[in-house]
Amino acid sequence: MLRSLGLGVLVGAVAACDRTPDPDPCDEMCTAAAELYGGCLADWGAGWEAAGYSDEADFLDACATWAWEIRLLEEDAVDQGVIDQTGHVDATCEARRDALSADDATCSTYTSIDWNDAPWLPQDTGVTP
């Protein structure tokens, strides 16, 4: 009995490990932002330090922190009844990822992002309720 239980747990663990989770759209956005913005900084003859980061890894860490914080704020907005569900942040990250990694992306694609926007508020998205 114990042996079959152990085998079942092992098979279940292996099956669970075999599933590949979907990539985090905010991680992908941050990577696209780093690539585009890093290229812009180089074009402008500046380094990451001029933008307030010690290096690209520091930028990526700051971007990941933004994603974590904005998701917490989105959850608070649900808890306070401001919105019905989460998902606005992921949708925003997906849209920004696509824009930042597009073939026609320019430095203004990056610099036009208002990182203080709350993606779930109509005044921050341009969408009227």
N, C-alpha and C. Protein backbone atom coordinates (compact mmCIF):
# COMPACT_ATOMS: atom_id res chain seq x y z
N MET A 1 0.83 -1.19 0.00
CA MET A 1 0.00 0.00 0.00
C MET A 1 0.87 1.25 0.00
N LEU A 2 1.83 1.31 0.88
CA LEU A 2 2.72 2.46 0.97
C LEU A 2 3.50 2.63 -0.32
N ARG A 3 3.95 1.50 -0.89
CA ARG A 3 4.71 1.56 -2.13
C ARG A 3 3.84 2.14 -3.25
N SER A 4 2.59 1.72 -3.38
CA SER A 4 1.73 2.22 -4.45
C SER A 4 1.38 3.69 -4.23
N LEU A 5 1.24 4.10 -2.96
CA LEU A 5 0.98 5.50 -2.66
C LEU A 5 2.18 6.35 -3.06
N GLY A 6 3.38 5.87 -2.76
CA GLY A 6 4.60 6.60 -3.12
C GLY A 6 4.74 6.72 -4.61
N LEU A 7 4.41 5.66 -5.35
CA LEU A 7 4.49 5.69 -6.80
C LEU A 7 3.48 6.68 -7.37
N GLY A 8 2.28 6.71 -6.80
CA GLY A 8 1.25 7.66 -7.25
C GLY A 8 1.67 9.10 -7.03
N VAL A 9 2.27 9.36 -5.90
CA VAL A 9 2.76 10.71 -5.60
C VAL A 9 3.87 11.09 -6.57
N LEU A 10 4.77 10.15 -6.84
CA LEU A 10 5.87 10.40 -7.76
C LEU A 10 5.35 10.68 -9.16
N VAL A 11 4.41 9.88 -9.63
CA VAL A 11 3.84 10.09 -10.97
C VAL A 11 3.13 11.45 -11.02
N GLY A 12 2.39 11.78 -9.99
CA GLY A 12 1.70 13.07 -9.94
C GLY A 12 2.68 14.24 -9.94
N ALA A 13 3.78 14.10 -9.21
CA ALA A 13 4.78 15.16 -9.16
C ALA A 13 5.45 15.35 -10.51
N VAL A 14 5.77 14.25 -11.17
CA VAL A 14 6.40 14.33 -12.49
C VAL A 14 5.43 14.96 -13.49
N ALA A 15 4.17 14.59 -13.44
CA ALA A 15 3.18 15.17 -14.35
C ALA A 15 3.03 16.66 -14.11
N ALA A 16 3.05 17.08 -12.85
CA ALA A 16 2.93 18.49 -12.53
C ALA A 16 4.14 19.27 -13.02
N CYS A 17 5.31 18.69 -12.93
CA CYS A 17 6.52 19.35 -13.39
C CYS A 17 6.57 19.43 -14.91
N ASP A 18 5.84 18.54 -15.57
CA ASP A 18 5.87 18.49 -17.02
C ASP A 18 5.07 19.63 -17.64
N ARG A 19 4.19 20.25 -16.87
CA ARG A 19 3.39 21.36 -17.39
C ARG A 19 4.23 22.63 -17.40
N THR A 20 4.24 23.30 -18.52
CA THR A 20 4.97 24.55 -18.64
C THR A 20 3.99 25.69 -18.40
N PRO A 21 4.24 26.50 -17.37
CA PRO A 21 3.33 27.61 -17.12
C PRO A 21 3.44 28.66 -18.23
N ASP A 22 2.35 29.37 -18.43
CA ASP A 22 2.38 30.46 -19.41
C ASP A 22 3.37 31.51 -18.94
N PRO A 23 4.09 32.10 -19.87
CA PRO A 23 5.03 33.16 -19.47
C PRO A 23 4.26 34.37 -18.92
N ASP A 24 4.84 35.04 -17.98
CA ASP A 24 4.24 36.23 -17.38
C ASP A 24 4.33 37.36 -18.40
N PRO A 25 3.19 37.92 -18.81
CA PRO A 25 3.23 38.99 -19.81
C PRO A 25 4.00 40.22 -19.33
N CYS A 26 4.03 40.45 -18.02
CA CYS A 26 4.78 41.60 -17.52
C CYS A 26 6.28 41.35 -17.61
N ASP A 27 6.71 40.10 -17.37
CA ASP A 27 8.13 39.77 -17.56
C ASP A 27 8.53 39.97 -19.01
N GLU A 28 7.66 39.52 -19.92
CA GLU A 28 7.95 39.70 -21.34
C GLU A 28 7.97 41.18 -21.72
N MET A 29 7.06 41.97 -21.15
CA MET A 29 7.04 43.40 -21.40
C MET A 29 8.32 44.05 -20.91
N CYS A 30 8.76 43.66 -19.72
CA CYS A 30 9.98 44.23 -19.16
C CYS A 30 11.19 43.91 -20.04
N THR A 31 11.25 42.70 -20.55
CA THR A 31 12.35 42.33 -21.44
C THR A 31 12.31 43.16 -22.72
N ALA A 32 11.13 43.31 -23.30
CA ALA A 32 11.00 44.12 -24.51
C ALA A 32 11.34 45.58 -24.23
N ALA A 33 10.93 46.08 -23.07
CA ALA A 33 11.23 47.46 -22.69
C ALA A 33 12.73 47.66 -22.53
N ALA A 34 13.38 46.71 -21.89
CA ALA A 34 14.84 46.80 -21.69
C ALA A 34 15.58 46.80 -23.02
N GLU A 35 15.14 45.96 -23.93
CA GLU A 35 15.81 45.89 -25.23
C GLU A 35 15.64 47.20 -26.00
N LEU A 36 14.41 47.71 -26.05
CA LEU A 36 14.15 48.94 -26.80
C LEU A 36 14.81 50.14 -26.12
N TYR A 37 14.58 50.30 -24.83
CA TYR A 37 15.11 51.45 -24.10
C TYR A 37 16.63 51.42 -24.05
N GLY A 38 17.20 50.23 -23.88
CA GLY A 38 18.65 50.11 -23.89
C GLY A 38 19.25 50.57 -25.21
N GLY A 39 18.58 50.21 -26.31
CA GLY A 39 19.02 50.66 -27.63
C GLY A 39 18.88 52.16 -27.77
N CYS A 40 17.81 52.72 -27.23
CA CYS A 40 17.62 54.17 -27.27
C CYS A 40 18.73 54.87 -26.49
N LEU A 41 19.00 54.37 -25.31
CA LEU A 41 20.07 54.98 -24.50
C LEU A 41 21.39 54.96 -25.26
N ALA A 42 21.69 53.84 -25.90
CA ALA A 42 22.92 53.74 -26.68
C ALA A 42 22.91 54.75 -27.83
N ASP A 43 21.77 54.87 -28.52
CA ASP A 43 21.65 55.84 -29.61
C ASP A 43 21.85 57.27 -29.12
N TRP A 44 21.41 57.55 -27.92
CA TRP A 44 21.53 58.87 -27.34
C TRP A 44 22.90 59.11 -26.70
N GLY A 45 23.76 58.10 -26.76
CA GLY A 45 25.10 58.22 -26.17
C GLY A 45 25.07 58.20 -24.65
N ALA A 46 24.07 57.54 -24.10
CA ALA A 46 23.92 57.47 -22.64
C ALA A 46 23.92 56.02 -22.20
N GLY A 47 24.17 55.82 -20.94
CA GLY A 47 24.12 54.48 -20.37
C GLY A 47 22.94 54.36 -19.42
N TRP A 48 22.80 53.18 -18.86
CA TRP A 48 21.72 52.94 -17.90
C TRP A 48 21.80 53.89 -16.72
N GLU A 49 23.02 54.28 -16.34
CA GLU A 49 23.19 55.18 -15.19
C GLU A 49 22.48 56.51 -15.43
N ALA A 50 22.53 57.00 -16.67
CA ALA A 50 21.89 58.28 -17.00
C ALA A 50 20.37 58.19 -16.84
N ALA A 51 19.84 56.99 -16.95
CA ALA A 51 18.40 56.78 -16.80
C ALA A 51 18.01 56.42 -15.36
N GLY A 52 19.00 56.39 -14.48
CA GLY A 52 18.71 56.12 -13.07
C GLY A 52 18.85 54.67 -12.65
N TYR A 53 19.48 53.85 -13.49
CA TYR A 53 19.67 52.43 -13.19
C TYR A 53 21.17 52.13 -13.24
N SER A 54 21.60 51.18 -12.42
CA SER A 54 23.02 50.83 -12.45
C SER A 54 23.38 50.05 -13.71
N ASP A 55 22.42 49.28 -14.22
CA ASP A 55 22.64 48.51 -15.45
C ASP A 55 21.29 47.95 -15.91
N GLU A 56 21.31 47.15 -16.96
CA GLU A 56 20.06 46.59 -17.49
C GLU A 56 19.37 45.70 -16.47
N ALA A 57 20.15 44.94 -15.72
CA ALA A 57 19.55 44.06 -14.71
C ALA A 57 18.80 44.88 -13.65
N ASP A 58 19.33 46.03 -13.30
CA ASP A 58 18.67 46.91 -12.34
C ASP A 58 17.36 47.44 -12.93
N PHE A 59 17.37 47.78 -14.21
CA PHE A 59 16.14 48.20 -14.90
C PHE A 59 15.10 47.08 -14.86
N LEU A 60 15.52 45.86 -15.21
CA LEU A 60 14.60 44.72 -15.21
C LEU A 60 14.03 44.47 -13.82
N ASP A 61 14.85 44.64 -12.79
CA ASP A 61 14.38 44.47 -11.41
C ASP A 61 13.34 45.54 -11.07
N ALA A 62 13.60 46.78 -11.47
CA ALA A 62 12.65 47.86 -11.22
C ALA A 62 11.34 47.62 -11.96
N CYS A 63 11.42 47.12 -13.18
CA CYS A 63 10.22 46.83 -13.96
C CYS A 63 9.42 45.70 -13.31
N ALA A 64 10.09 44.67 -12.85
CA ALA A 64 9.42 43.57 -12.17
C ALA A 64 8.76 44.06 -10.87
N THR A 65 9.41 44.98 -10.19
CA THR A 65 8.83 45.55 -8.98
C THR A 65 7.58 46.35 -9.31
N TRP A 66 7.63 47.10 -10.41
CA TRP A 66 6.44 47.84 -10.87
C TRP A 66 5.29 46.86 -11.09
N ALA A 67 5.55 45.76 -11.80
CA ALA A 67 4.51 44.78 -12.09
C ALA A 67 3.93 44.21 -10.80
N TRP A 68 4.77 43.88 -9.86
CA TRP A 68 4.32 43.33 -8.57
C TRP A 68 3.45 44.34 -7.84
N GLU A 69 3.91 45.60 -7.78
CA GLU A 69 3.17 46.63 -7.07
C GLU A 69 1.83 46.94 -7.73
N ILE A 70 1.82 47.05 -9.05
CA ILE A 70 0.59 47.42 -9.75
C ILE A 70 -0.44 46.28 -9.66
N ARG A 71 0.05 45.05 -9.59
CA ARG A 71 -0.89 43.92 -9.39
C ARG A 71 -1.50 43.97 -7.99
N LEU A 72 -0.71 44.33 -7.00
CA LEU A 72 -1.26 44.48 -5.65
C LEU A 72 -2.30 45.58 -5.62
N LEU A 73 -2.02 46.69 -6.29
CA LEU A 73 -2.99 47.79 -6.35
C LEU A 73 -4.26 47.37 -7.08
N GLU A 74 -4.11 46.56 -8.12
CA GLU A 74 -5.27 46.06 -8.84
C GLU A 74 -6.12 45.17 -7.93
N GLU A 75 -5.48 44.32 -7.14
CA GLU A 75 -6.21 43.47 -6.19
C GLU A 75 -6.93 44.33 -5.15
N ASP A 76 -6.28 45.40 -4.70
CA ASP A 76 -6.94 46.32 -3.76
C ASP A 76 -8.16 46.97 -4.41
N ALA A 77 -8.05 47.30 -5.69
CA ALA A 77 -9.18 47.91 -6.40
C ALA A 77 -10.36 46.94 -6.46
N VAL A 78 -10.08 45.65 -6.62
CA VAL A 78 -11.15 44.65 -6.59
C VAL A 78 -11.75 44.59 -5.19
N ASP A 79 -10.89 44.52 -4.18
CA ASP A 79 -11.36 44.44 -2.80
C ASP A 79 -12.22 45.64 -2.41
N GLN A 80 -11.91 46.80 -2.96
CA GLN A 80 -12.65 48.03 -2.63
C GLN A 80 -13.85 48.25 -3.53
N GLY A 81 -14.08 47.34 -4.47
CA GLY A 81 -15.23 47.45 -5.35
C GLY A 81 -15.07 48.45 -6.49
N VAL A 82 -13.85 48.91 -6.73
CA VAL A 82 -13.60 49.84 -7.83
C VAL A 82 -13.75 49.13 -9.17
N ILE A 83 -13.30 47.88 -9.22
CA ILE A 83 -13.43 47.03 -10.40
C ILE A 83 -13.92 45.66 -9.97
N ASP A 84 -14.42 44.89 -10.93
CA ASP A 84 -14.99 43.59 -10.62
C ASP A 84 -13.98 42.45 -10.59
N GLN A 85 -12.90 42.59 -11.38
CA GLN A 85 -11.95 41.48 -11.48
C GLN A 85 -10.56 42.00 -11.86
N THR A 86 -9.59 41.16 -11.64
CA THR A 86 -8.23 41.48 -12.06
C THR A 86 -8.05 41.08 -13.52
N GLY A 87 -6.92 41.41 -14.08
CA GLY A 87 -6.62 41.07 -15.46
C GLY A 87 -6.23 42.29 -16.28
N HIS A 88 -6.54 43.46 -15.76
CA HIS A 88 -6.20 44.69 -16.48
C HIS A 88 -4.69 44.87 -16.60
N VAL A 89 -3.97 44.52 -15.55
CA VAL A 89 -2.51 44.67 -15.58
C VAL A 89 -1.91 43.74 -16.63
N ASP A 90 -2.34 42.48 -16.63
CA ASP A 90 -1.81 41.55 -17.63
C ASP A 90 -2.12 42.02 -19.04
N ALA A 91 -3.34 42.52 -19.26
CA ALA A 91 -3.71 43.02 -20.58
C ALA A 91 -2.84 44.20 -20.97
N THR A 92 -2.56 45.08 -20.02
CA THR A 92 -1.71 46.23 -20.28
C THR A 92 -0.29 45.77 -20.61
N CYS A 93 0.22 44.81 -19.84
CA CYS A 93 1.57 44.30 -20.10
C CYS A 93 1.64 43.65 -21.48
N GLU A 94 0.60 42.92 -21.86
CA GLU A 94 0.58 42.29 -23.19
C GLU A 94 0.59 43.35 -24.29
N ALA A 95 -0.23 44.39 -24.13
CA ALA A 95 -0.29 45.45 -25.15
C ALA A 95 1.04 46.19 -25.23
N ARG A 96 1.63 46.48 -24.07
CA ARG A 96 2.92 47.18 -24.08
C ARG A 96 4.02 46.28 -24.64
N ARG A 97 3.99 44.99 -24.29
CA ARG A 97 4.98 44.05 -24.84
C ARG A 97 4.91 44.06 -26.36
N ASP A 98 3.70 43.97 -26.90
CA ASP A 98 3.53 43.95 -28.35
C ASP A 98 4.01 45.25 -28.98
N ALA A 99 3.69 46.38 -28.36
CA ALA A 99 4.11 47.68 -28.91
C ALA A 99 5.63 47.84 -28.83
N LEU A 100 6.20 47.46 -27.70
CA LEU A 100 7.64 47.65 -27.50
C LEU A 100 8.49 46.71 -28.36
N SER A 101 7.95 45.57 -28.71
CA SER A 101 8.72 44.60 -29.50
C SER A 101 8.34 44.63 -30.98
N ALA A 102 7.44 45.54 -31.36
CA ALA A 102 7.03 45.64 -32.77
C ALA A 102 8.21 46.10 -33.63
N ASP A 103 8.19 45.68 -34.87
CA ASP A 103 9.25 46.06 -35.81
C ASP A 103 9.36 47.58 -35.97
N ASP A 104 8.23 48.27 -35.84
CA ASP A 104 8.24 49.72 -36.02
C ASP A 104 8.32 50.48 -34.69
N ALA A 105 8.67 49.81 -33.61
CA ALA A 105 8.81 50.48 -32.31
C ALA A 105 9.95 51.48 -32.36
N THR A 106 9.72 52.63 -31.76
CA THR A 106 10.74 53.67 -31.69
C THR A 106 10.97 54.05 -30.23
N CYS A 107 11.90 54.92 -30.01
CA CYS A 107 12.16 55.37 -28.65
C CYS A 107 10.94 56.04 -28.04
N SER A 108 10.15 56.72 -28.86
CA SER A 108 8.94 57.35 -28.33
C SER A 108 7.89 56.31 -27.92
N THR A 109 7.98 55.11 -28.47
CA THR A 109 7.09 54.04 -28.02
C THR A 109 7.33 53.79 -26.54
N TYR A 110 8.59 53.80 -26.14
CA TYR A 110 8.93 53.59 -24.73
C TYR A 110 8.64 54.85 -23.91
N THR A 111 9.12 56.00 -24.38
CA THR A 111 9.01 57.22 -23.57
C THR A 111 7.58 57.71 -23.43
N SER A 112 6.67 57.25 -24.30
CA SER A 112 5.27 57.69 -24.19
C SER A 112 4.49 56.91 -23.13
N ILE A 113 5.08 55.88 -22.58
CA ILE A 113 4.39 55.09 -21.54
C ILE A 113 4.34 55.88 -20.24
N ASP A 114 3.17 56.00 -19.68
CA ASP A 114 3.02 56.62 -18.36
C ASP A 114 2.94 55.48 -17.34
N TRP A 115 4.04 55.23 -16.67
CA TRP A 115 4.13 54.12 -15.74
C TRP A 115 3.29 54.35 -14.48
N ASN A 116 2.74 55.54 -14.33
CA ASN A 116 1.89 55.82 -13.17
C ASN A 116 0.42 55.54 -13.44
N ASP A 117 0.06 55.21 -14.68
CA ASP A 117 -1.32 54.89 -15.01
C ASP A 117 -1.80 53.66 -14.24
N ALA A 118 -3.05 53.70 -13.85
CA ALA A 118 -3.71 52.52 -13.27
C ALA A 118 -4.54 51.92 -14.38
N PRO A 119 -4.13 50.80 -14.94
CA PRO A 119 -4.78 50.24 -16.13
C PRO A 119 -6.27 49.95 -15.99
N TRP A 120 -6.78 49.91 -14.80
CA TRP A 120 -8.20 49.59 -14.61
C TRP A 120 -9.07 50.83 -14.52
N LEU A 121 -8.48 52.02 -14.53
CA LEU A 121 -9.26 53.25 -14.45
C LEU A 121 -9.48 53.84 -15.85
N PRO A 122 -10.72 54.16 -16.20
CA PRO A 122 -11.00 54.66 -17.56
C PRO A 122 -10.16 55.89 -17.94
N GLN A 123 -9.92 56.79 -17.01
CA GLN A 123 -9.15 57.98 -17.35
C GLN A 123 -7.70 57.65 -17.66
N ASP A 124 -7.22 56.49 -17.22
CA ASP A 124 -5.84 56.09 -17.50
C ASP A 124 -5.72 55.24 -18.76
N THR A 125 -6.83 54.73 -19.25
CA THR A 125 -6.78 53.89 -20.44
C THR A 125 -7.36 54.59 -21.66
N GLY A 126 -8.08 55.69 -21.45
CA GLY A 126 -8.73 56.37 -22.55
C GLY A 126 -10.08 55.76 -22.90
N VAL A 127 -10.50 54.77 -22.12
CA VAL A 127 -11.77 54.09 -22.37
C VAL A 127 -12.81 54.69 -21.45
N THR A 128 -13.96 55.01 -21.98
CA THR A 128 -15.04 55.52 -21.13
C THR A 128 -15.97 54.36 -20.75
N PRO A 129 -16.45 54.38 -19.53
CA PRO A 129 -17.31 53.28 -19.07
C PRO A 129 -18.65 53.24 -19.78
